[in-house]
Amino acid sequence: MLIVFSWIFIIALASCDPDTTPPSEPDPVVPPSSLTFKCRSDTTIYIGEPQIPISEIEVESPMVISDCQMGQYVINSNLPDVLTPGQHHITYLAYDQCGNAANCSYTLSVIYDYRWDYLGTYNGTYRCSSFPNPHPYPMRDTFVEVSLSLKPDHLFVGDDEVFVDSTGKFPYPSTGGYRFYGFHFENDSLHRYQIWGVINSQSSCYFHGKKE
C-alpha cells in the first residue's frame, strides 16, 4: 500500500507545476497616417527618333506625401522601357508599411518631331556667281548651323527661320522681294541655294555641306 501511495503522490506533485510559457507581446499600435499623390498633369514630349529608351528622357515622377512612421513607401508604375509615338496612359501605385495605398494616372503624349533629324552643323562649300560684276567670293569653305525654331515645323538654317516639311524640303522656292531661296536635306547633307537680283544685276550662291 505504501508503494502505491508514493507513486500517486509524485504524480500529483508533477501535475501542480506552474506554466512557464511567457505571455505574448501585444501587437504594436499603428498610429493613424495617410499616403497621397500630387499627380502631374497630362504631358506632351517630342522625340527625334521613332522610338527612344525611357532612360534618355526626363520623365518627372509624381510627388508622394506620406506621414507613415514605420518605414519608406514603395512606388510602382507601368511606364514603358521604350517610348514610341502615341498616347501612353501612365499609372503609379504607392503603398507604405502602415497599410496605406494611393494611385495616380495621367496621359503622356509622345510626338515624333522629324526636325530633329536635320539638326547639326553642316560643313561644306559655298559656290557663288554674279553679273555684271564678278562675285567677290566665288568659292569658300564654310559651315551652316541648323537649329530648332519655336515655331512648329520650322528650323533655323543659318540665320533664316524657314518652314521644313517631313521630307526635309523647303516647299516654297521664294521668300518674296528680290530674293529667291530654297533648300533640302538628303543623306545627312544640306543643299541650299539663294538668288538675289534686281534689273540687270544678279547674284546666286549654292551651298552643299555634310553634317558633322
N, C-alpha and C. Protein backbone atom coordinates (compact mmCIF):
# COMPACT_ATOMS: atom_id res chain seq x y z
N MET A 1 0.82 -1.22 0.00
CA MET A 1 0.00 0.00 0.00
C MET A 1 0.85 1.25 0.00
N LEU A 2 2.00 1.24 0.70
CA LEU A 2 2.89 2.41 0.73
C LEU A 2 3.45 2.70 -0.65
N ILE A 3 3.79 1.69 -1.39
CA ILE A 3 4.37 1.88 -2.72
C ILE A 3 3.36 2.55 -3.64
N VAL A 4 2.15 2.08 -3.59
CA VAL A 4 1.11 2.65 -4.44
C VAL A 4 0.86 4.09 -4.08
N PHE A 5 0.85 4.44 -2.82
CA PHE A 5 0.60 5.80 -2.36
C PHE A 5 1.70 6.76 -2.81
N SER A 6 2.94 6.25 -2.76
CA SER A 6 4.09 7.10 -3.15
C SER A 6 3.98 7.50 -4.62
N TRP A 7 3.65 6.62 -5.49
CA TRP A 7 3.52 6.94 -6.93
C TRP A 7 2.39 7.92 -7.16
N ILE A 8 1.30 7.77 -6.45
CA ILE A 8 0.18 8.69 -6.60
C ILE A 8 0.57 10.08 -6.16
N PHE A 9 1.38 10.18 -5.07
CA PHE A 9 1.81 11.48 -4.54
C PHE A 9 2.74 12.19 -5.52
N ILE A 10 3.64 11.42 -6.13
CA ILE A 10 4.58 12.00 -7.10
C ILE A 10 3.83 12.54 -8.31
N ILE A 11 2.87 11.77 -8.82
CA ILE A 11 2.08 12.20 -9.96
C ILE A 11 1.30 13.47 -9.64
N ALA A 12 0.78 13.56 -8.45
CA ALA A 12 0.01 14.73 -8.03
C ALA A 12 0.88 15.96 -7.98
N LEU A 13 2.16 15.80 -7.47
CA LEU A 13 3.08 16.94 -7.43
C LEU A 13 3.44 17.42 -8.82
N ALA A 14 3.66 16.46 -9.74
CA ALA A 14 4.04 16.83 -11.10
C ALA A 14 2.93 17.60 -11.79
N SER A 15 1.70 17.26 -11.53
CA SER A 15 0.59 17.94 -12.19
C SER A 15 0.36 19.34 -11.66
N CYS A 16 1.02 19.74 -10.56
CA CYS A 16 0.84 21.07 -9.99
C CYS A 16 1.94 22.05 -10.39
N ASP A 17 2.89 21.66 -11.29
CA ASP A 17 3.95 22.58 -11.73
C ASP A 17 3.33 23.80 -12.41
N PRO A 18 3.84 25.01 -12.09
CA PRO A 18 3.27 26.22 -12.73
C PRO A 18 3.62 26.29 -14.23
N ASP A 19 2.81 27.02 -15.07
CA ASP A 19 3.03 27.22 -16.51
C ASP A 19 4.15 28.24 -16.70
N THR A 20 5.24 27.80 -17.35
CA THR A 20 6.41 28.68 -17.54
C THR A 20 6.42 29.38 -18.89
N THR A 21 5.35 29.26 -19.74
CA THR A 21 5.30 29.92 -21.05
C THR A 21 5.13 31.42 -20.87
N PRO A 22 6.07 32.27 -21.48
CA PRO A 22 5.96 33.73 -21.30
C PRO A 22 4.73 34.27 -22.02
N PRO A 23 4.13 35.31 -21.52
CA PRO A 23 2.96 35.90 -22.19
C PRO A 23 3.36 36.51 -23.52
N SER A 24 2.48 36.45 -24.50
CA SER A 24 2.75 37.01 -25.82
C SER A 24 2.73 38.53 -25.78
N GLU A 25 3.61 39.12 -26.64
CA GLU A 25 3.67 40.58 -26.73
C GLU A 25 2.44 41.10 -27.46
N PRO A 26 1.90 42.20 -27.04
CA PRO A 26 0.74 42.77 -27.76
C PRO A 26 1.18 43.33 -29.10
N ASP A 27 0.29 43.29 -30.09
CA ASP A 27 0.59 43.87 -31.39
C ASP A 27 0.88 45.36 -31.26
N PRO A 28 1.91 45.86 -32.04
CA PRO A 28 2.20 47.30 -31.95
C PRO A 28 1.03 48.13 -32.44
N VAL A 29 0.87 49.24 -31.81
CA VAL A 29 -0.21 50.15 -32.18
C VAL A 29 0.28 51.02 -33.34
N VAL A 30 -0.39 50.95 -34.48
CA VAL A 30 -0.02 51.74 -35.65
C VAL A 30 -0.71 53.09 -35.57
N PRO A 31 0.06 54.17 -35.47
CA PRO A 31 -0.60 55.48 -35.38
C PRO A 31 -1.30 55.82 -36.69
N PRO A 32 -2.34 56.60 -36.63
CA PRO A 32 -3.04 57.00 -37.86
C PRO A 32 -2.08 57.71 -38.82
N SER A 33 -2.21 57.43 -40.12
CA SER A 33 -1.34 58.05 -41.11
C SER A 33 -2.07 58.09 -42.45
N SER A 34 -1.44 58.73 -43.41
CA SER A 34 -2.05 58.84 -44.74
C SER A 34 -0.96 58.82 -45.80
N LEU A 35 -1.37 58.50 -47.01
CA LEU A 35 -0.47 58.46 -48.16
C LEU A 35 -1.23 59.05 -49.34
N THR A 36 -0.71 60.10 -49.94
CA THR A 36 -1.38 60.75 -51.06
C THR A 36 -0.38 61.04 -52.18
N PHE A 37 -0.91 61.20 -53.39
CA PHE A 37 -0.13 61.57 -54.57
C PHE A 37 -0.42 63.03 -54.92
N LYS A 38 0.60 63.73 -55.36
CA LYS A 38 0.41 65.00 -56.05
C LYS A 38 0.72 64.72 -57.51
N CYS A 39 -0.32 64.38 -58.27
CA CYS A 39 -0.14 63.86 -59.62
C CYS A 39 0.19 64.98 -60.60
N ARG A 40 1.00 64.67 -61.60
CA ARG A 40 1.32 65.64 -62.63
C ARG A 40 0.18 65.71 -63.63
N SER A 41 0.11 66.79 -64.36
CA SER A 41 -0.92 66.94 -65.38
C SER A 41 -0.51 66.19 -66.65
N ASP A 42 -1.46 66.04 -67.57
CA ASP A 42 -1.14 65.40 -68.85
C ASP A 42 0.01 66.15 -69.52
N THR A 43 0.92 65.39 -70.12
CA THR A 43 2.17 65.96 -70.62
C THR A 43 2.43 65.52 -72.05
N THR A 44 3.01 66.41 -72.84
CA THR A 44 3.43 66.10 -74.21
C THR A 44 4.94 66.27 -74.33
N ILE A 45 5.60 65.28 -74.90
CA ILE A 45 7.03 65.38 -75.15
C ILE A 45 7.29 65.06 -76.61
N TYR A 46 8.40 65.58 -77.11
CA TYR A 46 8.79 65.37 -78.51
C TYR A 46 10.07 64.55 -78.55
N ILE A 47 10.10 63.58 -79.43
CA ILE A 47 11.30 62.76 -79.58
C ILE A 47 11.79 62.86 -81.02
N GLY A 48 13.09 62.71 -81.21
CA GLY A 48 13.67 62.84 -82.52
C GLY A 48 13.93 61.52 -83.22
N GLU A 49 13.41 60.43 -82.65
CA GLU A 49 13.57 59.11 -83.24
C GLU A 49 12.23 58.37 -83.17
N PRO A 50 12.04 57.37 -84.04
CA PRO A 50 10.77 56.62 -83.98
C PRO A 50 10.52 55.95 -82.64
N GLN A 51 11.57 55.62 -81.92
CA GLN A 51 11.43 55.11 -80.56
C GLN A 51 12.69 55.47 -79.79
N ILE A 52 12.54 55.59 -78.47
CA ILE A 52 13.67 56.04 -77.66
C ILE A 52 13.55 55.42 -76.28
N PRO A 53 14.68 54.95 -75.68
CA PRO A 53 14.63 54.39 -74.33
C PRO A 53 14.15 55.43 -73.32
N ILE A 54 13.37 54.98 -72.36
CA ILE A 54 12.85 55.89 -71.35
C ILE A 54 13.98 56.51 -70.54
N SER A 55 15.13 55.81 -70.46
CA SER A 55 16.27 56.33 -69.69
C SER A 55 16.85 57.59 -70.31
N GLU A 56 16.56 57.86 -71.58
CA GLU A 56 17.10 59.04 -72.25
C GLU A 56 16.13 60.23 -72.19
N ILE A 57 15.01 60.04 -71.53
CA ILE A 57 14.01 61.10 -71.42
C ILE A 57 13.82 61.44 -69.94
N GLU A 58 13.71 62.72 -69.66
CA GLU A 58 13.42 63.15 -68.29
C GLU A 58 11.91 63.13 -68.08
N VAL A 59 11.45 62.09 -67.41
CA VAL A 59 10.02 61.96 -67.09
C VAL A 59 9.88 62.14 -65.59
N GLU A 60 9.30 63.24 -65.20
CA GLU A 60 9.18 63.57 -63.78
C GLU A 60 8.14 62.69 -63.10
N SER A 61 8.54 62.07 -62.00
CA SER A 61 7.62 61.23 -61.23
C SER A 61 6.71 62.12 -60.38
N PRO A 62 5.47 61.67 -60.12
CA PRO A 62 4.58 62.45 -59.25
C PRO A 62 5.10 62.47 -57.82
N MET A 63 4.72 63.50 -57.09
CA MET A 63 5.16 63.64 -55.70
C MET A 63 4.29 62.79 -54.78
N VAL A 64 4.93 62.08 -53.86
CA VAL A 64 4.21 61.26 -52.87
C VAL A 64 4.34 61.93 -51.51
N ILE A 65 3.23 62.04 -50.81
CA ILE A 65 3.22 62.63 -49.47
C ILE A 65 2.75 61.56 -48.49
N SER A 66 3.62 61.19 -47.55
CA SER A 66 3.30 60.13 -46.59
C SER A 66 3.78 60.54 -45.20
N ASP A 67 2.95 60.29 -44.18
CA ASP A 67 3.37 60.55 -42.80
C ASP A 67 3.45 59.25 -41.99
N CYS A 68 3.59 58.13 -42.71
CA CYS A 68 3.77 56.85 -42.03
C CYS A 68 5.13 56.83 -41.34
N GLN A 69 5.15 56.42 -40.05
CA GLN A 69 6.39 56.40 -39.27
C GLN A 69 7.00 55.01 -39.17
N MET A 70 6.57 54.10 -40.04
CA MET A 70 7.05 52.72 -39.93
C MET A 70 7.87 52.29 -41.15
N GLY A 71 8.47 53.25 -41.84
CA GLY A 71 9.32 52.88 -42.95
C GLY A 71 8.99 53.65 -44.21
N GLN A 72 9.72 53.34 -45.28
CA GLN A 72 9.57 54.03 -46.54
C GLN A 72 8.38 53.48 -47.34
N TYR A 73 7.91 54.29 -48.27
CA TYR A 73 6.87 53.84 -49.17
C TYR A 73 7.51 53.27 -50.45
N VAL A 74 6.74 52.53 -51.21
CA VAL A 74 7.20 51.90 -52.44
C VAL A 74 6.30 52.38 -53.58
N ILE A 75 6.93 52.70 -54.74
CA ILE A 75 6.18 53.15 -55.90
C ILE A 75 6.40 52.18 -57.06
N ASN A 76 5.33 51.80 -57.71
CA ASN A 76 5.39 51.02 -58.95
C ASN A 76 4.65 51.79 -60.04
N SER A 77 5.03 51.58 -61.29
CA SER A 77 4.33 52.22 -62.41
C SER A 77 4.39 51.33 -63.64
N ASN A 78 3.56 51.66 -64.61
CA ASN A 78 3.55 50.93 -65.88
C ASN A 78 4.28 51.71 -66.97
N LEU A 79 5.19 52.61 -66.57
CA LEU A 79 5.97 53.38 -67.53
C LEU A 79 6.78 52.43 -68.40
N PRO A 80 6.65 52.50 -69.74
CA PRO A 80 7.34 51.54 -70.61
C PRO A 80 8.84 51.79 -70.65
N ASP A 81 9.60 50.76 -70.97
CA ASP A 81 11.06 50.90 -71.10
C ASP A 81 11.43 51.68 -72.35
N VAL A 82 10.58 51.60 -73.38
CA VAL A 82 10.84 52.29 -74.65
C VAL A 82 9.61 53.11 -75.01
N LEU A 83 9.82 54.38 -75.33
CA LEU A 83 8.72 55.25 -75.72
C LEU A 83 8.59 55.29 -77.24
N THR A 84 7.37 55.21 -77.69
CA THR A 84 7.05 55.32 -79.11
C THR A 84 5.98 56.39 -79.29
N PRO A 85 5.84 56.97 -80.48
CA PRO A 85 4.81 57.99 -80.68
C PRO A 85 3.42 57.47 -80.36
N GLY A 86 2.61 58.33 -79.77
CA GLY A 86 1.24 57.95 -79.39
C GLY A 86 0.93 58.41 -77.99
N GLN A 87 -0.23 58.02 -77.50
CA GLN A 87 -0.66 58.37 -76.16
C GLN A 87 -0.45 57.18 -75.22
N HIS A 88 0.23 57.44 -74.12
CA HIS A 88 0.51 56.42 -73.12
C HIS A 88 -0.18 56.83 -71.82
N HIS A 89 -1.04 55.94 -71.31
CA HIS A 89 -1.75 56.20 -70.06
C HIS A 89 -0.92 55.60 -68.91
N ILE A 90 -0.28 56.49 -68.16
CA ILE A 90 0.67 56.09 -67.13
C ILE A 90 -0.02 56.07 -65.77
N THR A 91 0.16 54.98 -65.04
CA THR A 91 -0.42 54.83 -63.70
C THR A 91 0.69 54.53 -62.70
N TYR A 92 0.67 55.24 -61.59
CA TYR A 92 1.58 54.99 -60.48
C TYR A 92 0.78 54.45 -59.30
N LEU A 93 1.38 53.50 -58.57
CA LEU A 93 0.78 52.94 -57.36
C LEU A 93 1.81 53.01 -56.26
N ALA A 94 1.42 53.58 -55.12
CA ALA A 94 2.31 53.68 -53.97
C ALA A 94 1.66 53.02 -52.76
N TYR A 95 2.47 52.40 -51.92
CA TYR A 95 1.97 51.83 -50.67
C TYR A 95 3.07 51.91 -49.63
N ASP A 96 2.67 51.96 -48.36
CA ASP A 96 3.65 52.05 -47.27
C ASP A 96 3.41 50.94 -46.26
N GLN A 97 4.23 50.90 -45.22
CA GLN A 97 4.16 49.84 -44.22
C GLN A 97 3.10 50.09 -43.17
N CYS A 98 2.38 51.17 -43.30
CA CYS A 98 1.25 51.41 -42.42
C CYS A 98 -0.06 50.90 -43.02
N GLY A 99 0.04 50.32 -44.21
CA GLY A 99 -1.16 49.78 -44.86
C GLY A 99 -1.87 50.77 -45.76
N ASN A 100 -1.28 51.94 -45.98
CA ASN A 100 -1.90 52.92 -46.86
C ASN A 100 -1.52 52.66 -48.31
N ALA A 101 -2.38 53.07 -49.22
CA ALA A 101 -2.11 52.92 -50.65
C ALA A 101 -2.76 54.09 -51.38
N ALA A 102 -2.15 54.47 -52.51
CA ALA A 102 -2.70 55.54 -53.33
C ALA A 102 -2.27 55.31 -54.77
N ASN A 103 -3.03 55.86 -55.71
CA ASN A 103 -2.66 55.74 -57.11
C ASN A 103 -2.81 57.08 -57.82
N CYS A 104 -2.19 57.17 -58.98
CA CYS A 104 -2.15 58.41 -59.74
C CYS A 104 -2.03 58.06 -61.21
N SER A 105 -2.78 58.74 -62.08
CA SER A 105 -2.74 58.46 -63.51
C SER A 105 -2.71 59.76 -64.30
N TYR A 106 -2.01 59.74 -65.43
CA TYR A 106 -2.01 60.86 -66.36
C TYR A 106 -1.68 60.32 -67.75
N THR A 107 -1.87 61.15 -68.76
CA THR A 107 -1.61 60.76 -70.14
C THR A 107 -0.31 61.41 -70.62
N LEU A 108 0.59 60.58 -71.12
CA LEU A 108 1.85 61.04 -71.69
C LEU A 108 1.76 60.92 -73.21
N SER A 109 1.70 62.06 -73.89
CA SER A 109 1.61 62.07 -75.35
C SER A 109 3.01 62.22 -75.92
N VAL A 110 3.39 61.29 -76.79
CA VAL A 110 4.72 61.30 -77.40
C VAL A 110 4.58 61.60 -78.89
N ILE A 111 5.25 62.65 -79.33
CA ILE A 111 5.18 63.09 -80.72
C ILE A 111 6.57 63.00 -81.34
N TYR A 112 6.62 62.36 -82.48
CA TYR A 112 7.88 62.28 -83.22
C TYR A 112 8.09 63.58 -83.99
N ASP A 113 9.17 64.29 -83.69
CA ASP A 113 9.48 65.56 -84.33
C ASP A 113 10.55 65.32 -85.38
N TYR A 114 10.15 65.28 -86.64
CA TYR A 114 11.08 64.97 -87.72
C TYR A 114 12.20 66.00 -87.85
N ARG A 115 12.01 67.19 -87.31
CA ARG A 115 13.03 68.23 -87.44
C ARG A 115 14.34 67.84 -86.78
N TRP A 116 14.25 66.98 -85.75
CA TRP A 116 15.47 66.60 -85.04
C TRP A 116 16.44 65.87 -85.95
N ASP A 117 15.95 65.24 -86.99
CA ASP A 117 16.83 64.53 -87.92
C ASP A 117 17.80 65.48 -88.62
N TYR A 118 17.44 66.77 -88.69
CA TYR A 118 18.22 67.70 -89.50
C TYR A 118 19.09 68.64 -88.67
N LEU A 119 19.01 68.57 -87.35
CA LEU A 119 19.79 69.48 -86.51
C LEU A 119 21.27 69.15 -86.58
N GLY A 120 22.09 70.19 -86.53
CA GLY A 120 23.53 69.97 -86.50
C GLY A 120 24.28 71.02 -87.27
N THR A 121 25.58 70.79 -87.40
CA THR A 121 26.48 71.67 -88.13
C THR A 121 26.86 71.01 -89.45
N TYR A 122 26.67 71.73 -90.54
CA TYR A 122 26.96 71.21 -91.87
C TYR A 122 28.20 71.94 -92.42
N ASN A 123 29.27 71.21 -92.59
CA ASN A 123 30.50 71.77 -93.15
C ASN A 123 30.52 71.55 -94.65
N GLY A 124 30.80 72.61 -95.40
CA GLY A 124 30.80 72.46 -96.85
C GLY A 124 31.37 73.67 -97.55
N THR A 125 30.94 73.87 -98.78
CA THR A 125 31.49 74.91 -99.65
C THR A 125 30.37 75.73 -100.27
N TYR A 126 30.56 77.05 -100.26
CA TYR A 126 29.70 77.97 -101.00
C TYR A 126 30.32 78.22 -102.36
N ARG A 127 29.51 78.12 -103.40
CA ARG A 127 29.92 78.49 -104.75
C ARG A 127 28.98 79.58 -105.24
N CYS A 128 29.54 80.69 -105.59
CA CYS A 128 28.73 81.86 -105.94
C CYS A 128 29.15 82.43 -107.29
N SER A 129 28.20 83.06 -107.93
CA SER A 129 28.45 83.76 -109.19
C SER A 129 27.55 84.99 -109.24
N SER A 130 27.93 85.93 -110.07
CA SER A 130 27.13 87.14 -110.19
C SER A 130 27.42 87.83 -111.53
N PHE A 131 26.53 88.72 -111.90
CA PHE A 131 26.74 89.57 -113.08
C PHE A 131 26.05 90.90 -112.82
N PRO A 132 26.51 91.97 -113.43
CA PRO A 132 27.57 92.02 -114.45
C PRO A 132 28.97 91.95 -113.85
N ASN A 133 29.10 92.13 -112.53
CA ASN A 133 30.42 92.10 -111.93
C ASN A 133 30.71 90.73 -111.32
N PRO A 134 31.97 90.29 -111.33
CA PRO A 134 32.30 89.00 -110.73
C PRO A 134 32.00 89.01 -109.22
N HIS A 135 31.63 87.84 -108.71
CA HIS A 135 31.35 87.72 -107.28
C HIS A 135 32.67 87.82 -106.52
N PRO A 136 32.70 88.59 -105.40
CA PRO A 136 33.96 88.74 -104.66
C PRO A 136 34.44 87.45 -104.00
N TYR A 137 33.50 86.50 -103.73
CA TYR A 137 33.89 85.22 -103.10
C TYR A 137 33.27 84.09 -103.91
N PRO A 138 33.86 83.76 -105.04
CA PRO A 138 33.24 82.75 -105.90
C PRO A 138 33.20 81.35 -105.27
N MET A 139 34.12 81.04 -104.35
CA MET A 139 34.09 79.76 -103.67
C MET A 139 34.78 79.89 -102.32
N ARG A 140 34.15 79.40 -101.30
CA ARG A 140 34.76 79.45 -99.97
C ARG A 140 34.21 78.32 -99.12
N ASP A 141 35.09 77.80 -98.28
CA ASP A 141 34.67 76.78 -97.32
C ASP A 141 34.03 77.45 -96.12
N THR A 142 32.93 76.91 -95.67
CA THR A 142 32.21 77.49 -94.54
C THR A 142 31.33 76.42 -93.91
N PHE A 143 30.46 76.83 -93.03
CA PHE A 143 29.52 75.90 -92.38
C PHE A 143 28.19 76.59 -92.18
N VAL A 144 27.15 75.79 -92.00
CA VAL A 144 25.81 76.30 -91.72
C VAL A 144 25.27 75.55 -90.51
N GLU A 145 24.80 76.28 -89.51
CA GLU A 145 24.18 75.69 -88.33
C GLU A 145 22.68 75.54 -88.56
N VAL A 146 22.15 74.38 -88.21
CA VAL A 146 20.71 74.14 -88.29
C VAL A 146 20.20 73.86 -86.88
N SER A 147 19.24 74.64 -86.42
CA SER A 147 18.73 74.51 -85.05
C SER A 147 17.22 74.63 -85.05
N LEU A 148 16.61 74.27 -83.92
CA LEU A 148 15.15 74.29 -83.80
C LEU A 148 14.62 75.70 -83.67
N SER A 149 13.49 75.92 -84.28
CA SER A 149 12.73 77.14 -84.06
C SER A 149 11.59 76.82 -83.09
N LEU A 150 11.12 77.84 -82.40
CA LEU A 150 9.97 77.64 -81.53
C LEU A 150 8.67 77.50 -82.32
N LYS A 151 8.68 77.89 -83.57
CA LYS A 151 7.50 77.72 -84.41
C LYS A 151 7.39 76.25 -84.84
N PRO A 152 6.22 75.67 -84.80
CA PRO A 152 6.06 74.29 -85.28
C PRO A 152 6.50 74.16 -86.74
N ASP A 153 7.20 73.08 -87.04
CA ASP A 153 7.62 72.75 -88.40
C ASP A 153 8.59 73.77 -89.00
N HIS A 154 9.28 74.52 -88.16
CA HIS A 154 10.25 75.50 -88.63
C HIS A 154 11.65 75.18 -88.07
N LEU A 155 12.65 75.58 -88.85
CA LEU A 155 14.04 75.45 -88.44
C LEU A 155 14.75 76.77 -88.67
N PHE A 156 15.84 76.96 -87.93
CA PHE A 156 16.80 77.99 -88.29
C PHE A 156 17.87 77.33 -89.14
N VAL A 157 17.96 77.74 -90.39
CA VAL A 157 19.03 77.30 -91.28
C VAL A 157 19.96 78.50 -91.43
N GLY A 158 21.06 78.48 -90.67
CA GLY A 158 21.83 79.70 -90.55
C GLY A 158 21.00 80.73 -89.82
N ASP A 159 20.86 81.91 -90.42
CA ASP A 159 20.04 82.97 -89.81
C ASP A 159 18.61 82.97 -90.33
N ASP A 160 18.28 82.08 -91.23
CA ASP A 160 16.95 82.05 -91.83
C ASP A 160 16.02 81.13 -91.04
N GLU A 161 14.90 81.66 -90.58
CA GLU A 161 13.87 80.86 -89.92
C GLU A 161 12.86 80.45 -90.99
N VAL A 162 12.87 79.15 -91.34
CA VAL A 162 12.12 78.70 -92.50
C VAL A 162 11.33 77.44 -92.17
N PHE A 163 10.28 77.23 -92.93
CA PHE A 163 9.45 76.03 -92.82
C PHE A 163 10.19 74.85 -93.46
N VAL A 164 10.03 73.67 -92.87
CA VAL A 164 10.57 72.44 -93.46
C VAL A 164 9.52 71.36 -93.32
N ASP A 165 9.31 70.59 -94.38
CA ASP A 165 8.31 69.53 -94.29
C ASP A 165 8.97 68.22 -93.86
N SER A 166 8.16 67.18 -93.74
CA SER A 166 8.67 65.92 -93.19
C SER A 166 9.63 65.20 -94.12
N THR A 167 9.71 65.64 -95.38
CA THR A 167 10.68 65.05 -96.31
C THR A 167 12.00 65.81 -96.30
N GLY A 168 12.10 66.85 -95.47
CA GLY A 168 13.34 67.61 -95.40
C GLY A 168 13.46 68.67 -96.46
N LYS A 169 12.34 69.17 -96.97
CA LYS A 169 12.39 70.16 -98.04
C LYS A 169 11.69 71.44 -97.62
N PHE A 170 12.16 72.53 -98.21
CA PHE A 170 11.51 73.82 -98.09
C PHE A 170 10.65 73.98 -99.33
N PRO A 171 9.32 73.85 -99.21
CA PRO A 171 8.48 73.73 -100.40
C PRO A 171 8.22 75.03 -101.14
N TYR A 172 8.67 76.17 -100.58
CA TYR A 172 8.38 77.45 -101.22
C TYR A 172 9.67 78.01 -101.79
N PRO A 173 9.81 78.07 -103.09
CA PRO A 173 11.09 78.46 -103.69
C PRO A 173 11.37 79.95 -103.68
N SER A 174 10.64 80.71 -102.90
CA SER A 174 10.89 82.15 -102.86
C SER A 174 10.49 82.69 -101.50
N THR A 175 11.24 83.65 -100.99
CA THR A 175 10.87 84.34 -99.76
C THR A 175 10.33 85.72 -100.03
N GLY A 176 10.09 86.05 -101.31
CA GLY A 176 9.50 87.33 -101.66
C GLY A 176 10.55 88.38 -101.97
N GLY A 177 10.11 89.50 -102.50
CA GLY A 177 11.02 90.59 -102.83
C GLY A 177 11.97 90.18 -103.94
N TYR A 178 13.22 90.54 -103.78
CA TYR A 178 14.23 90.24 -104.80
C TYR A 178 15.11 89.08 -104.40
N ARG A 179 14.65 88.28 -103.50
CA ARG A 179 15.45 87.14 -103.05
C ARG A 179 14.68 85.85 -103.26
N PHE A 180 15.33 84.90 -103.89
CA PHE A 180 14.76 83.57 -104.07
C PHE A 180 15.60 82.60 -103.23
N TYR A 181 14.91 81.64 -102.65
CA TYR A 181 15.57 80.82 -101.63
C TYR A 181 14.97 79.42 -101.65
N GLY A 182 15.80 78.42 -101.40
CA GLY A 182 15.31 77.05 -101.27
C GLY A 182 16.38 76.16 -100.67
N PHE A 183 15.95 75.04 -100.13
CA PHE A 183 16.91 74.08 -99.58
C PHE A 183 16.24 72.72 -99.47
N HIS A 184 17.06 71.70 -99.29
CA HIS A 184 16.55 70.39 -98.91
C HIS A 184 17.67 69.61 -98.24
N PHE A 185 17.26 68.69 -97.36
CA PHE A 185 18.18 67.79 -96.67
C PHE A 185 18.12 66.42 -97.36
N GLU A 186 19.27 65.79 -97.45
CA GLU A 186 19.32 64.48 -98.08
C GLU A 186 20.60 63.77 -97.65
N ASN A 187 20.45 62.57 -97.07
CA ASN A 187 21.60 61.73 -96.69
C ASN A 187 22.60 62.50 -95.83
N ASP A 188 22.10 63.13 -94.75
CA ASP A 188 22.94 63.90 -93.84
C ASP A 188 23.65 65.07 -94.52
N SER A 189 23.10 65.55 -95.61
CA SER A 189 23.66 66.70 -96.32
C SER A 189 22.61 67.79 -96.44
N LEU A 190 23.09 69.03 -96.52
CA LEU A 190 22.23 70.18 -96.73
C LEU A 190 22.59 70.81 -98.07
N HIS A 191 21.57 71.04 -98.89
CA HIS A 191 21.73 71.74 -100.17
C HIS A 191 20.88 73.00 -100.09
N ARG A 192 21.54 74.14 -100.23
CA ARG A 192 20.81 75.41 -100.13
C ARG A 192 21.22 76.33 -101.27
N TYR A 193 20.24 76.97 -101.87
CA TYR A 193 20.55 77.94 -102.92
C TYR A 193 19.85 79.26 -102.60
N GLN A 194 20.49 80.36 -103.01
CA GLN A 194 19.96 81.69 -102.80
C GLN A 194 20.28 82.53 -104.04
N ILE A 195 19.30 83.31 -104.45
CA ILE A 195 19.48 84.20 -105.61
C ILE A 195 18.97 85.58 -105.22
N TRP A 196 19.81 86.57 -105.39
CA TRP A 196 19.42 87.95 -105.19
C TRP A 196 19.46 88.65 -106.55
N GLY A 197 18.51 89.49 -106.84
CA GLY A 197 18.57 90.13 -108.14
C GLY A 197 17.70 91.36 -108.24
N VAL A 198 18.16 92.24 -109.05
CA VAL A 198 17.39 93.40 -109.49
C VAL A 198 17.59 93.48 -111.00
N ILE A 199 17.04 94.47 -111.62
CA ILE A 199 17.17 94.62 -113.07
C ILE A 199 18.65 94.77 -113.44
N ASN A 200 19.09 93.91 -114.33
CA ASN A 200 20.45 93.94 -114.86
C ASN A 200 21.52 93.61 -113.81
N SER A 201 21.14 92.99 -112.72
CA SER A 201 22.13 92.60 -111.71
C SER A 201 21.61 91.40 -110.94
N GLN A 202 22.46 90.41 -110.77
CA GLN A 202 22.03 89.20 -110.06
C GLN A 202 23.23 88.52 -109.41
N SER A 203 22.96 87.91 -108.29
CA SER A 203 23.98 87.13 -107.59
C SER A 203 23.33 85.85 -107.09
N SER A 204 24.02 84.75 -107.26
CA SER A 204 23.47 83.47 -106.80
C SER A 204 24.56 82.68 -106.08
N CYS A 205 24.16 81.95 -105.05
CA CYS A 205 25.08 81.13 -104.26
C CYS A 205 24.44 79.78 -103.99
N TYR A 206 25.29 78.78 -104.05
CA TYR A 206 24.83 77.41 -103.78
C TYR A 206 25.74 76.82 -102.71
N PHE A 207 25.11 76.20 -101.70
CA PHE A 207 25.89 75.59 -100.61
C PHE A 207 25.58 74.11 -100.55
N HIS A 208 26.63 73.32 -100.43
CA HIS A 208 26.49 71.88 -100.16
C HIS A 208 27.37 71.57 -98.95
N GLY A 209 26.75 70.99 -97.90
CA GLY A 209 27.51 70.68 -96.69
C GLY A 209 27.08 69.35 -96.12
N LYS A 210 28.03 68.70 -95.45
CA LYS A 210 27.80 67.41 -94.81
C LYS A 210 27.75 67.59 -93.30
N LYS A 211 26.81 66.92 -92.67
CA LYS A 211 26.67 67.05 -91.22
C LYS A 211 27.87 66.42 -90.52
N GLU A 212 28.33 67.10 -89.48
CA GLU A 212 29.45 66.55 -88.69
C GLU A 212 29.06 65.24 -88.05
